[in-house]
Amino acid sequence: MNDKKSGVMLIALGSAIVFIGIVLYLMEIIGATGMILLGIAVELAGAYIFWKNRKR
């Protein structure tokens, strides 16, 4: 997991998780906040991997 493609995929996955989390939050389902935070964490990991490999 150290190429640009996986960084972009993690960013996309994180965005999808955040979006689903927001939908669940609006539906007032317990645990949506955790899902939003998990999505943000995945996005940040993807952005870090993408940024690290972009310089090469």
C-alpha atoms as a PDB file:
ATOM      1  CA  MET A   1       0.000   0.000   0.000  1.00  0.00           C
ATOM      2  CA  ASN A   2       2.615   2.534  -0.982  1.00  0.00           C
ATOM      3  CA  ASP A   3       1.641   3.785  -4.400  1.00  0.00           C
ATOM      4  CA  LYS A   4      -0.406   6.778  -5.463  1.00  0.00           C
ATOM      5  CA  LYS A   5      -3.410   4.670  -6.439  1.00  0.00           C
ATOM      6  CA  SER A   6      -3.962   3.307  -2.927  1.00  0.00           C
ATOM      7  CA  GLY A   7      -3.778   6.820  -1.490  1.00  0.00           C
ATOM      8  CA  VAL A   8      -6.496   7.986  -3.874  1.00  0.00           C
ATOM      9  CA  MET A   9      -8.574   4.885  -3.112  1.00  0.00           C
ATOM     10  CA  LEU A  10      -8.332   5.525   0.641  1.00  0.00           C
ATOM     11  CA  ILE A  11      -9.390   9.150   0.145  1.00  0.00           C
ATOM     12  CA  ALA A  12     -12.400   7.980  -1.883  1.00  0.00           C
ATOM     13  CA  LEU A  13     -13.233   5.297   0.702  1.00  0.00           C
ATOM     14  CA  GLY A  14     -12.996   7.840   3.513  1.00  0.00           C
ATOM     15  CA  SER A  15     -15.279  10.229   1.656  1.00  0.00           C
ATOM     16  CA  ALA A  16     -17.831   7.450   1.161  1.00  0.00           C
ATOM     17  CA  ILE A  17     -17.675   6.518   4.860  1.00  0.00           C
ATOM     18  CA  VAL A  18     -18.110  10.157   5.902  1.00  0.00           C
ATOM     19  CA  PHE A  19     -21.077  10.533   3.528  1.00  0.00           C
ATOM     20  CA  ILE A  20     -22.742   7.377   4.858  1.00  0.00           C
ATOM     21  CA  GLY A  21     -22.024   8.531   8.408  1.00  0.00           C
ATOM     22  CA  ILE A  22     -23.681  11.902   7.759  1.00  0.00           C
ATOM     23  CA  VAL A  23     -26.739  10.141   6.316  1.00  0.00           C
ATOM     24  CA  LEU A  24     -26.934   7.871   9.370  1.00  0.00           C
ATOM     25  CA  TYR A  25     -26.443  10.864  11.665  1.00  0.00           C
ATOM     26  CA  LEU A  26     -29.322  12.689  10.005  1.00  0.00           C
ATOM     27  CA  MET A  27     -31.407   9.544  10.499  1.00  0.00           C
ATOM     28  CA  GLU A  28     -30.411   9.672  14.196  1.00  0.00           C
ATOM     29  CA  ILE A  29     -28.864   6.223  14.299  1.00  0.00           C
ATOM     30  CA  ILE A  30     -26.469   5.710  17.200  1.00  0.00           C
ATOM     31  CA  GLY A  31     -22.859   5.287  16.134  1.00  0.00           C
ATOM     32  CA  ALA A  32     -22.955   7.638  13.164  1.00  0.00           C
ATOM     33  CA  THR A  33     -20.489  10.022  14.840  1.00  0.00           C
ATOM     34  CA  GLY A  34     -17.978   7.197  15.164  1.00  0.00           C
ATOM     35  CA  MET A  35     -18.451   6.345  11.504  1.00  0.00           C
ATOM     36  CA  ILE A  36     -17.824   9.980  10.499  1.00  0.00           C
ATOM     37  CA  LEU A  37     -14.632  10.035  12.589  1.00  0.00           C
ATOM     38  CA  LEU A  38     -13.516   6.695  11.103  1.00  0.00           C
ATOM     39  CA  GLY A  39     -14.086   8.059   7.600  1.00  0.00           C
ATOM     40  CA  ILE A  40     -12.058  11.170   8.371  1.00  0.00           C
ATOM     41  CA  ALA A  41      -9.240   9.004   9.744  1.00  0.00           C
ATOM     42  CA  VAL A  42      -9.248   6.849   6.580  1.00  0.00           C
ATOM     43  CA  GLU A  43      -9.228   9.982   4.406  1.00  0.00           C
ATOM     44  CA  LEU A  44      -6.272  11.418   6.317  1.00  0.00           C
ATOM     45  CA  ALA A  45      -4.369   8.131   5.962  1.00  0.00           C
ATOM     46  CA  GLY A  46      -5.078   8.141   2.217  1.00  0.00           C
ATOM     47  CA  ALA A  47      -4.034  11.759   1.875  1.00  0.00           C
ATOM     48  CA  TYR A  48      -0.801  11.034   3.759  1.00  0.00           C
ATOM     49  CA  ILE A  49       0.042   8.070   1.510  1.00  0.00           C
ATOM     50  CA  PHE A  50      -0.860  10.067  -1.608  1.00  0.00           C
ATOM     51  CA  TRP A  51       1.203  13.093  -0.516  1.00  0.00           C
ATOM     52  CA  LYS A  52       4.186  10.950   0.479  1.00  0.00           C
ATOM     53  CA  ASN A  53       4.282   9.190  -2.897  1.00  0.00           C
ATOM     54  CA  ARG A  54       3.506  12.286  -4.973  1.00  0.00           C
ATOM     55  CA  LYS A  55       6.972  13.726  -4.291  1.00  0.00           C
ATOM     56  CA  ARG A  56       8.753  10.748  -5.897  1.00  0.00           C
END
